[in-house]
Each structure stands twice: as structure tokens, then as C-alpha cells.
Amino acid sequence: MDADQPIGVFDSGLGGISVLREITALLPGEDYIYYGDSANAPYGVRPTEEIRRLTTAVFEKLIAQRVKAIVIACNTASSAAGDFLRERYPQLPIIAIEPALKPAVLSQEGGTVLVLATAATLRERKFQQLMEHYENQAEILDFACPEIVEAVEQGDIRSPRLRAALEERFAGVRGRGVSRIVLGCTHYPFVRKMIQEIAGPGVTIFDGAQGTARQLVRQLRENQLLRAAGSPQGHIDWQNSSADPALLELSKRLYALRE
């Protein structure tokens, strides 16, 4: 591997574009391959072994294109397959995202933290261990919001229908003193503004995208794979397992979206 090779960024669909935006902000001179596995989305309802099979297939596609590192920009895939993939590809820098529960808990003493994630992320042992580690420092609540994943995959992120679905879900935790919300799925930042409006101005929202981007920088630097400072603006190669060309156009629109 050398510094001129591209970086692979992978998600079960289009949610990982929220992570790609943070990465390119830190590393604008790198080239990227963004691979969305929309033909098999959503991962969040699939069993662990199937998630591992799907992620391995994507890794093989990216490795065949000579990527120098892969970012798993999907909380579900990271939880279910992150360690498995590191063992399978020890020569490759692999950066996996995880819910930003630690910074959310440590941001203030006590209180209640609400974790929004997919059902698969919430059931995996990795997340359960994270919850157990911090359960004495804050009350931690969690629930899945599959409506958000579906909305992002369709480019329908501001609809009254989605707002009504989220209002109904959040009604179940009103009165529980929620002061922080963790967006534990990379699709969710695309509706961050709507979540903030529903939760109220006194609630702080956290997601793991920036931490993942910083970890990528550290690993590339440690492996001497960073391009030289001042390199020209990099290129993004948009790829998707779905044959629908509209998904590639939607990918570009989501990447350019700034709320």
C-alpha cells in the first residue's frame, strides 16, 4: 500500500455519507471510494452472520480496487463485523464507527442519555458492553428508529410523515429527563435538525462521525499512508450495489447537503 491509493468508505446504504463528509473535511486531498450496499439495505434487521457475509463481500470489492484503508461508516456493520474483519484482513487499516456514548455520558454528571440506533447495533455484545461500562454514570435509554433509515435511503428527510413518526417515538421518553441524545446510526445525522426540534433546545446531540474521521487520520499517519500536505483536491468515486442510477445522484445530493 502507498499514500496515493484511495480510501474506502462503506455503509449498508447511504448513511455513511454523513461520515464521509467529516472525513473529507479533515482530509480534502485524499481520493475516496464510497460504496453503499443499498441492494442489501437495511443491515439493521439482519442476523449477525449475514451482516458479516455482506460486509466481507464489500471488503473484497474495495480491496480489489487497491484501497489503502477502509472506514466502516455503519454502526450496525461495525458492531457485528468490525473485529471479525480486522482478524480477516490484518494488513489493512480498518476504522470502525461506534455510538458516541462515552462523550455523551462524560459531558455532564448524571442525567439521562438516549441512544438511537438500529436493532442490530443495540443487540450486539459490543454495544451491550459499552452500556454496562457507563450505566452507573448516567441513566441510558435506547430504542431503534427504522423510519429514519428508510427515509434517508429514499431522500425523504424533511417530510411531515417522518416528523410524525419521530414525534410518536419520542413521546415514549418524555418526562424521563433526557438531556443528551446519541445518534447511533450514520443515517440519523441527516435528520439531526428534526430530532433537535422534537427533543428541544436543552438536549445536546452526539454522533461518532468526527471521532471516526480523527481515528482515520491517526491510523494513516501511523502507517505512513497520508498524502502530503497541500495535495490537490481529492476525488470521490461513488459506487453502489444497487443498479438504480438514481441512488448515485442521491448520494451526491446528500453529500452536498448542509442543514
C-alpha atoms as a PDB file:
ATOM      1  CA  MET A   1       0.000   0.000   0.000  1.00  0.00           C
ATOM      2  CA  ASP A   2       1.103   3.563  -0.633  1.00  0.00           C
ATOM      3  CA  ALA A   3      -0.176   7.062   0.058  1.00  0.00           C
ATOM      4  CA  ASP A   4      -1.567   7.590  -3.442  1.00  0.00           C
ATOM      5  CA  GLN A   5      -4.134   4.794  -3.143  1.00  0.00           C
ATOM      6  CA  PRO A   6      -7.756   5.720  -2.330  1.00  0.00           C
ATOM      7  CA  ILE A   7      -9.573   5.290   0.971  1.00  0.00           C
ATOM      8  CA  GLY A   8     -12.632   3.032   1.001  1.00  0.00           C
ATOM      9  CA  VAL A   9     -15.693   4.218   2.919  1.00  0.00           C
ATOM     10  CA  PHE A  10     -18.509   1.703   3.264  1.00  0.00           C
ATOM     11  CA  ASP A  11     -22.067   1.665   4.564  1.00  0.00           C
ATOM     12  CA  SER A  12     -25.066  -0.609   4.231  1.00  0.00           C
ATOM     13  CA  GLY A  13     -26.634   2.201   2.232  1.00  0.00           C
ATOM     14  CA  LEU A  14     -26.312   5.985   2.128  1.00  0.00           C
ATOM     15  CA  GLY A  15     -25.997   6.826   5.835  1.00  0.00           C
ATOM     16  CA  GLY A  16     -22.201   6.599   5.800  1.00  0.00           C
ATOM     17  CA  ILE A  17     -22.112   9.717   3.638  1.00  0.00           C
ATOM     18  CA  SER A  18     -22.533  11.653   6.896  1.00  0.00           C
ATOM     19  CA  VAL A  19     -19.188  10.172   7.979  1.00  0.00           C
ATOM     20  CA  LEU A  20     -17.597  10.764   4.585  1.00  0.00           C
ATOM     21  CA  ARG A  21     -18.390  14.478   4.926  1.00  0.00           C
ATOM     22  CA  GLU A  22     -16.423  14.656   8.195  1.00  0.00           C
ATOM     23  CA  ILE A  23     -13.528  12.693   6.694  1.00  0.00           C
ATOM     24  CA  THR A  24     -13.188  14.853   3.597  1.00  0.00           C
ATOM     25  CA  ALA A  25     -13.303  17.982   5.761  1.00  0.00           C
ATOM     26  CA  LEU A  26     -10.173  16.718   7.563  1.00  0.00           C
ATOM     27  CA  LEU A  27      -8.515  15.098   4.529  1.00  0.00           C
ATOM     28  CA  PRO A  28      -9.575  17.027   1.415  1.00  0.00           C
ATOM     29  CA  GLY A  29      -6.507  15.936  -0.563  1.00  0.00           C
ATOM     30  CA  GLU A  30      -7.279  12.205  -0.451  1.00  0.00           C
ATOM     31  CA  ASP A  31      -9.160  10.129  -3.022  1.00  0.00           C
ATOM     32  CA  TYR A  32     -12.142   8.071  -1.869  1.00  0.00           C
ATOM     33  CA  ILE A  33     -14.358   5.218  -2.974  1.00  0.00           C
ATOM     34  CA  TYR A  34     -17.748   5.410  -1.300  1.00  0.00           C
ATOM     35  CA  TYR A  35     -19.575   2.081  -1.510  1.00  0.00           C
ATOM     36  CA  GLY A  36     -23.213   1.864  -0.475  1.00  0.00           C
ATOM     37  CA  ASP A  37     -24.689  -1.626  -0.262  1.00  0.00           C
ATOM     38  CA  SER A  38     -28.220  -0.386  -0.911  1.00  0.00           C
ATOM     39  CA  ALA A  39     -29.203  -3.613  -2.683  1.00  0.00           C
ATOM     40  CA  ASN A  40     -28.952  -5.329   0.724  1.00  0.00           C
ATOM     41  CA  ALA A  41     -30.098  -2.487   2.969  1.00  0.00           C
ATOM     42  CA  PRO A  42     -31.093  -2.312   5.709  1.00  0.00           C
ATOM     43  CA  TYR A  43     -28.497  -4.283   7.677  1.00  0.00           C
ATOM     44  CA  GLY A  44     -30.127  -3.378  10.977  1.00  0.00           C
ATOM     45  CA  VAL A  45     -32.738  -6.138  10.756  1.00  0.00           C
ATOM     46  CA  ARG A  46     -30.367  -8.918   9.630  1.00  0.00           C
ATOM     47  CA  PRO A  47     -28.695 -11.617  11.792  1.00  0.00           C
ATOM     48  CA  THR A  48     -25.022 -11.207  12.674  1.00  0.00           C
ATOM     49  CA  GLU A  49     -23.701 -13.938  10.381  1.00  0.00           C
ATOM     50  CA  GLU A  50     -25.472 -12.451   7.389  1.00  0.00           C
ATOM     51  CA  ILE A  51     -24.081  -8.995   8.171  1.00  0.00           C
ATOM     52  CA  ARG A  52     -20.574 -10.479   8.294  1.00  0.00           C
ATOM     53  CA  ARG A  53     -21.093 -12.194   4.943  1.00  0.00           C
ATOM     54  CA  LEU A  54     -22.320  -8.983   3.322  1.00  0.00           C
ATOM     55  CA  THR A  55     -19.540  -6.829   4.746  1.00  0.00           C
ATOM     56  CA  THR A  56     -16.886  -9.325   3.669  1.00  0.00           C
ATOM     57  CA  ALA A  57     -18.226  -9.197   0.110  1.00  0.00           C
ATOM     58  CA  VAL A  58     -17.961  -5.405   0.107  1.00  0.00           C
ATOM     59  CA  PHE A  59     -14.450  -5.520   1.545  1.00  0.00           C
ATOM     60  CA  GLU A  60     -13.364  -7.839  -1.251  1.00  0.00           C
ATOM     61  CA  LYS A  61     -14.713  -5.373  -3.831  1.00  0.00           C
ATOM     62  CA  LEU A  62     -12.865  -2.456  -2.231  1.00  0.00           C
ATOM     63  CA  ILE A  63      -9.613  -4.376  -1.755  1.00  0.00           C
ATOM     64  CA  ALA A  64      -9.725  -5.348  -5.435  1.00  0.00           C
ATOM     65  CA  GLN A  65      -9.649  -1.597  -6.164  1.00  0.00           C
ATOM     66  CA  ARG A  66      -6.459  -1.214  -4.107  1.00  0.00           C
ATOM     67  CA  VAL A  67      -7.750   0.893  -1.231  1.00  0.00           C
ATOM     68  CA  LYS A  68      -5.181   1.754   1.445  1.00  0.00           C
ATOM     69  CA  ALA A  69      -7.704   1.753   4.325  1.00  0.00           C
ATOM     70  CA  ILE A  70     -11.400   1.072   4.861  1.00  0.00           C
ATOM     71  CA  VAL A  71     -13.770   3.019   7.075  1.00  0.00           C
ATOM     72  CA  ILE A  72     -16.847   1.050   8.160  1.00  0.00           C
ATOM     73  CA  ALA A  73     -19.203   4.034   8.218  1.00  0.00           C
ATOM     74  CA  CYS A  74     -22.069   1.926   9.543  1.00  0.00           C
ATOM     75  CA  ASN A  75     -22.724   1.307  13.231  1.00  0.00           C
ATOM     76  CA  THR A  76     -24.505  -1.969  12.548  1.00  0.00           C
ATOM     77  CA  ALA A  77     -21.674  -3.385  10.417  1.00  0.00           C
ATOM     78  CA  SER A  78     -19.076  -2.074  12.873  1.00  0.00           C
ATOM     79  CA  SER A  79     -20.766  -3.748  15.840  1.00  0.00           C
ATOM     80  CA  ALA A  80     -21.483  -7.034  14.093  1.00  0.00           C
ATOM     81  CA  ALA A  81     -18.360  -7.396  11.952  1.00  0.00           C
ATOM     82  CA  GLY A  82     -15.655  -4.896  12.953  1.00  0.00           C
ATOM     83  CA  ASP A  83     -13.487  -7.285  14.989  1.00  0.00           C
ATOM     84  CA  PHE A  84     -14.185 -10.122  12.559  1.00  0.00           C
ATOM     85  CA  LEU A  85     -12.938  -8.028   9.618  1.00  0.00           C
ATOM     86  CA  ARG A  86      -9.810  -6.877  11.463  1.00  0.00           C
ATOM     87  CA  GLU A  87      -8.892 -10.500  12.093  1.00  0.00           C
ATOM     88  CA  ARG A  88      -9.585 -11.435   8.479  1.00  0.00           C
ATOM     89  CA  TYR A  89      -7.600  -8.512   6.994  1.00  0.00           C
ATOM     90  CA  PRO A  90      -4.793  -7.784   9.477  1.00  0.00           C
ATOM     91  CA  GLN A  91      -2.672  -5.974   6.872  1.00  0.00           C
ATOM     92  CA  LEU A  92      -5.353  -3.340   6.211  1.00  0.00           C
ATOM     93  CA  PRO A  93      -6.077  -0.295   8.406  1.00  0.00           C
ATOM     94  CA  ILE A  94      -9.762  -0.696   9.308  1.00  0.00           C
ATOM     95  CA  ILE A  95     -11.616   2.057  11.148  1.00  0.00           C
ATOM     96  CA  ALA A  96     -15.000   1.175  12.629  1.00  0.00           C
ATOM     97  CA  ILE A  97     -17.512   3.648  13.984  1.00  0.00           C
ATOM     98  CA  GLU A  98     -19.282   3.211  17.315  1.00  0.00           C
ATOM     99  CA  PRO A  99     -22.068   5.136  19.078  1.00  0.00           C
ATOM    100  CA  ALA A 100     -20.703   8.249  20.824  1.00  0.00           C
ATOM    101  CA  LEU A 101     -21.936   7.068  24.213  1.00  0.00           C
ATOM    102  CA  LYS A 102     -18.696   7.839  26.063  1.00  0.00           C
ATOM    103  CA  PRO A 103     -18.544  11.567  25.215  1.00  0.00           C
ATOM    104  CA  ALA A 104     -22.283  11.885  25.821  1.00  0.00           C
ATOM    105  CA  VAL A 105     -22.082  10.346  29.306  1.00  0.00           C
ATOM    106  CA  LEU A 106     -18.946  12.249  30.265  1.00  0.00           C
ATOM    107  CA  SER A 107     -20.269  15.602  29.037  1.00  0.00           C
ATOM    108  CA  GLN A 108     -22.181  16.106  32.283  1.00  0.00           C
ATOM    109  CA  GLU A 109     -22.717  14.346  35.572  1.00  0.00           C
ATOM    110  CA  GLY A 110     -25.722  12.052  35.875  1.00  0.00           C
ATOM    111  CA  GLY A 111     -28.855  12.695  33.869  1.00  0.00           C
ATOM    112  CA  THR A 112     -30.338  10.587  31.098  1.00  0.00           C
ATOM    113  CA  VAL A 113     -28.797   9.665  27.750  1.00  0.00           C
ATOM    114  CA  LEU A 114     -30.991   8.394  24.917  1.00  0.00           C
ATOM    115  CA  VAL A 115     -29.258   6.194  22.333  1.00  0.00           C
ATOM    116  CA  LEU A 116     -30.922   5.929  18.934  1.00  0.00           C
ATOM    117  CA  ALA A 117     -29.612   3.013  16.879  1.00  0.00           C
ATOM    118  CA  THR A 118     -30.660   0.039  14.776  1.00  0.00           C
ATOM    119  CA  ALA A 119     -31.992  -3.100  16.416  1.00  0.00           C
ATOM    120  CA  ALA A 120     -28.870  -4.984  15.296  1.00  0.00           C
ATOM    121  CA  THR A 121     -26.499  -2.433  16.851  1.00  0.00           C
ATOM    122  CA  LEU A 122     -28.409  -2.471  20.126  1.00  0.00           C
ATOM    123  CA  ARG A 123     -28.404  -6.276  20.409  1.00  0.00           C
ATOM    124  CA  GLU A 124     -24.678  -6.758  19.687  1.00  0.00           C
ATOM    125  CA  ARG A 125     -22.398  -7.561  22.599  1.00  0.00           C
ATOM    126  CA  LYS A 126     -20.109  -4.647  21.733  1.00  0.00           C
ATOM    127  CA  PHE A 127     -22.834  -2.107  22.453  1.00  0.00           C
ATOM    128  CA  GLN A 128     -24.057  -4.007  25.496  1.00  0.00           C
ATOM    129  CA  GLN A 129     -20.548  -3.840  26.965  1.00  0.00           C
ATOM    130  CA  LEU A 130     -20.416  -0.105  26.256  1.00  0.00           C
ATOM    131  CA  MET A 131     -23.706   0.384  28.077  1.00  0.00           C
ATOM    132  CA  GLU A 132     -22.583  -1.726  31.020  1.00  0.00           C
ATOM    133  CA  HIS A 133     -19.398   0.316  31.332  1.00  0.00           C
ATOM    134  CA  TYR A 134     -21.287   3.608  31.729  1.00  0.00           C
ATOM    135  CA  GLU A 135     -24.555   2.507  33.319  1.00  0.00           C
ATOM    136  CA  ASN A 136     -23.500   3.752  36.770  1.00  0.00           C
ATOM    137  CA  GLN A 137     -22.690   7.236  35.462  1.00  0.00           C
ATOM    138  CA  ALA A 138     -25.994   8.024  33.758  1.00  0.00           C
ATOM    139  CA  GLU A 139     -29.369   6.523  33.006  1.00  0.00           C
ATOM    140  CA  ILE A 140     -29.116   5.109  29.495  1.00  0.00           C
ATOM    141  CA  LEU A 141     -32.205   4.536  27.385  1.00  0.00           C
ATOM    142  CA  ASP A 142     -32.229   3.125  23.875  1.00  0.00           C
ATOM    143  CA  PHE A 143     -34.570   2.454  21.004  1.00  0.00           C
ATOM    144  CA  ALA A 144     -34.430   1.846  17.280  1.00  0.00           C
ATOM    145  CA  CYS A 145     -35.740   4.252  14.631  1.00  0.00           C
ATOM    146  CA  PRO A 146     -36.006   2.277  11.388  1.00  0.00           C
ATOM    147  CA  GLU A 147     -38.132   5.063   9.891  1.00  0.00           C
ATOM    148  CA  ILE A 148     -35.035   7.275   9.613  1.00  0.00           C
ATOM    149  CA  VAL A 149     -33.038   4.702   7.661  1.00  0.00           C
ATOM    150  CA  GLU A 150     -35.921   4.228   5.246  1.00  0.00           C
ATOM    151  CA  ALA A 151     -36.352   7.989   4.824  1.00  0.00           C
ATOM    152  CA  VAL A 152     -32.679   8.665   4.107  1.00  0.00           C
ATOM    153  CA  GLU A 153     -32.484   5.825   1.594  1.00  0.00           C
ATOM    154  CA  GLN A 154     -35.376   7.459  -0.253  1.00  0.00           C
ATOM    155  CA  GLY A 155     -34.062  11.011   0.110  1.00  0.00           C
ATOM    156  CA  ASP A 156     -37.175  11.858   2.141  1.00  0.00           C
ATOM    157  CA  ILE A 157     -35.593  13.553   5.147  1.00  0.00           C
ATOM    158  CA  ARG A 158     -37.882  16.524   5.788  1.00  0.00           C
ATOM    159  CA  SER A 159     -41.335  15.043   5.320  1.00  0.00           C
ATOM    160  CA  PRO A 160     -44.262  15.568   7.732  1.00  0.00           C
ATOM    161  CA  ARG A 161     -44.696  11.779   7.741  1.00  0.00           C
ATOM    162  CA  LEU A 162     -41.203  11.252   9.170  1.00  0.00           C
ATOM    163  CA  ARG A 163     -41.712  14.001  11.734  1.00  0.00           C
ATOM    164  CA  ALA A 164     -44.968  12.417  12.885  1.00  0.00           C
ATOM    165  CA  ALA A 165     -43.273   9.011  13.260  1.00  0.00           C
ATOM    166  CA  LEU A 166     -40.456  10.511  15.337  1.00  0.00           C
ATOM    167  CA  GLU A 167     -42.865  12.550  17.459  1.00  0.00           C
ATOM    168  CA  GLU A 168     -44.676   9.317  18.289  1.00  0.00           C
ATOM    169  CA  ARG A 169     -41.446   7.524  19.213  1.00  0.00           C
ATOM    170  CA  PHE A 170     -40.154  10.380  21.363  1.00  0.00           C
ATOM    171  CA  ALA A 171     -43.479  10.593  23.192  1.00  0.00           C
ATOM    172  CA  GLY A 172     -42.482   7.404  24.992  1.00  0.00           C
ATOM    173  CA  VAL A 173     -39.472   9.033  26.679  1.00  0.00           C
ATOM    174  CA  ARG A 174     -40.898  12.430  27.518  1.00  0.00           C
ATOM    175  CA  GLY A 175     -40.687  13.070  31.221  1.00  0.00           C
ATOM    176  CA  ARG A 176     -37.587  10.881  31.566  1.00  0.00           C
ATOM    177  CA  GLY A 177     -35.223  13.862  31.802  1.00  0.00           C
ATOM    178  CA  VAL A 178     -33.313  13.173  28.581  1.00  0.00           C
ATOM    179  CA  SER A 179     -30.516  15.737  28.293  1.00  0.00           C
ATOM    180  CA  ARG A 180     -28.315  14.057  25.640  1.00  0.00           C
ATOM    181  CA  ILE A 181     -29.099  12.036  22.533  1.00  0.00           C
ATOM    182  CA  VAL A 182     -26.612   9.740  20.800  1.00  0.00           C
ATOM    183  CA  LEU A 183     -27.158   9.178  17.086  1.00  0.00           C
ATOM    184  CA  GLY A 184     -26.008   5.570  16.898  1.00  0.00           C
ATOM    185  CA  CYS A 185     -26.646   5.070  13.182  1.00  0.00           C
ATOM    186  CA  THR A 186     -24.913   7.009  10.411  1.00  0.00           C
ATOM    187  CA  HIS A 187     -28.236   7.638   8.665  1.00  0.00           C
ATOM    188  CA  TYR A 188     -29.520   9.624  11.633  1.00  0.00           C
ATOM    189  CA  PRO A 189     -27.370  12.805  11.296  1.00  0.00           C
ATOM    190  CA  PHE A 190     -29.261  13.624   8.110  1.00  0.00           C
ATOM    191  CA  VAL A 191     -32.318  14.328  10.264  1.00  0.00           C
ATOM    192  CA  ARG A 192     -30.377  15.855  13.154  1.00  0.00           C
ATOM    193  CA  LYS A 193     -32.209  19.178  12.809  1.00  0.00           C
ATOM    194  CA  MET A 194     -35.610  17.475  13.039  1.00  0.00           C
ATOM    195  CA  ILE A 195     -34.518  15.410  16.035  1.00  0.00           C
ATOM    196  CA  GLN A 196     -33.241  18.568  17.746  1.00  0.00           C
ATOM    197  CA  GLU A 197     -36.526  20.364  17.127  1.00  0.00           C
ATOM    198  CA  ILE A 198     -38.523  17.468  18.577  1.00  0.00           C
ATOM    199  CA  ALA A 199     -36.185  16.949  21.552  1.00  0.00           C
ATOM    200  CA  GLY A 200     -35.935  20.653  22.377  1.00  0.00           C
ATOM    201  CA  PRO A 201     -33.087  23.171  22.688  1.00  0.00           C
ATOM    202  CA  GLY A 202     -31.937  21.869  26.067  1.00  0.00           C
ATOM    203  CA  VAL A 203     -30.886  18.491  24.645  1.00  0.00           C
ATOM    204  CA  THR A 204     -27.364  18.002  23.270  1.00  0.00           C
ATOM    205  CA  ILE A 205     -26.888  15.634  20.324  1.00  0.00           C
ATOM    206  CA  PHE A 206     -23.790  13.483  19.785  1.00  0.00           C
ATOM    207  CA  ASP A 207     -22.654  11.281  16.903  1.00  0.00           C
ATOM    208  CA  GLY A 208     -19.459   9.359  16.199  1.00  0.00           C
ATOM    209  CA  ALA A 209     -18.548  10.754  12.772  1.00  0.00           C
ATOM    210  CA  GLN A 210     -15.906  13.264  13.863  1.00  0.00           C
ATOM    211  CA  GLY A 211     -14.200  10.755  16.145  1.00  0.00           C
ATOM    212  CA  THR A 212     -14.123   8.226  13.317  1.00  0.00           C
ATOM    213  CA  ALA A 213     -12.565  10.784  10.974  1.00  0.00           C
ATOM    214  CA  ARG A 214      -9.871  11.618  13.533  1.00  0.00           C
ATOM    215  CA  GLN A 215      -9.134   7.922  14.068  1.00  0.00           C
ATOM    216  CA  LEU A 216      -8.663   7.505  10.315  1.00  0.00           C
ATOM    217  CA  VAL A 217      -6.126  10.338  10.296  1.00  0.00           C
ATOM    218  CA  ARG A 218      -4.229   8.736  13.186  1.00  0.00           C
ATOM    219  CA  GLN A 219      -4.094   5.317  11.530  1.00  0.00           C
ATOM    220  CA  LEU A 220      -2.991   6.693   8.170  1.00  0.00           C
ATOM    221  CA  ARG A 221      -0.274   8.727   9.865  1.00  0.00           C
ATOM    222  CA  GLU A 222       0.944   5.720  11.889  1.00  0.00           C
ATOM    223  CA  ASN A 223       1.131   3.652   8.699  1.00  0.00           C
ATOM    224  CA  GLN A 224       2.762   6.475   6.721  1.00  0.00           C
ATOM    225  CA  LEU A 225      -0.152   6.490   4.283  1.00  0.00           C
ATOM    226  CA  LEU A 226      -1.204  10.157   4.496  1.00  0.00           C
ATOM    227  CA  ARG A 227      -0.838  12.167   1.340  1.00  0.00           C
ATOM    228  CA  ALA A 228       1.467  15.156   1.565  1.00  0.00           C
ATOM    229  CA  ALA A 229       0.013  18.369   2.967  1.00  0.00           C
ATOM    230  CA  GLY A 230      -1.165  20.680   0.236  1.00  0.00           C
ATOM    231  CA  SER A 231      -2.163  17.884  -2.160  1.00  0.00           C
ATOM    232  CA  PRO A 232      -4.770  18.890  -4.777  1.00  0.00           C
ATOM    233  CA  GLN A 233      -8.454  18.404  -4.007  1.00  0.00           C
ATOM    234  CA  GLY A 234      -9.250  14.697  -3.992  1.00  0.00           C
ATOM    235  CA  HIS A 235     -11.892  12.773  -5.916  1.00  0.00           C
ATOM    236  CA  ILE A 236     -14.854  10.672  -4.727  1.00  0.00           C
ATOM    237  CA  ASP A 237     -15.786   7.601  -6.752  1.00  0.00           C
ATOM    238  CA  TRP A 238     -19.444   6.877  -5.967  1.00  0.00           C
ATOM    239  CA  GLN A 239     -20.382   3.192  -6.113  1.00  0.00           C
ATOM    240  CA  ASN A 240     -23.462   1.224  -5.088  1.00  0.00           C
ATOM    241  CA  SER A 241     -24.534  -2.405  -5.199  1.00  0.00           C
ATOM    242  CA  SER A 242     -27.950  -1.338  -6.495  1.00  0.00           C
ATOM    243  CA  ALA A 243     -28.381  -0.949 -10.241  1.00  0.00           C
ATOM    244  CA  ASP A 244     -30.594   2.121  -9.724  1.00  0.00           C
ATOM    245  CA  PRO A 245     -28.624   5.143 -11.067  1.00  0.00           C
ATOM    246  CA  ALA A 246     -30.816   7.479  -9.020  1.00  0.00           C
ATOM    247  CA  LEU A 247     -29.029   6.267  -5.862  1.00  0.00           C
ATOM    248  CA  LEU A 248     -25.721   7.659  -7.077  1.00  0.00           C
ATOM    249  CA  GLU A 249     -27.332  11.038  -7.714  1.00  0.00           C
ATOM    250  CA  LEU A 250     -28.979  10.903  -4.293  1.00  0.00           C
ATOM    251  CA  SER A 251     -25.593  10.068  -2.763  1.00  0.00           C
ATOM    252  CA  LYS A 252     -24.097  13.231  -4.245  1.00  0.00           C
ATOM    253  CA  ARG A 253     -27.037  15.352  -3.051  1.00  0.00           C
ATOM    254  CA  LEU A 254     -26.760  14.017   0.496  1.00  0.00           C
ATOM    255  CA  TYR A 255     -23.018  14.688   0.490  1.00  0.00           C
ATOM    256  CA  ALA A 256     -23.632  18.300  -0.553  1.00  0.00           C
ATOM    257  CA  LEU A 257     -26.485  18.771   1.928  1.00  0.00           C
ATOM    258  CA  ARG A 258     -25.813  21.218   4.745  1.00  0.00           C
ATOM    259  CA  GLU A 259     -28.642  21.901   7.182  1.00  0.00           C
END
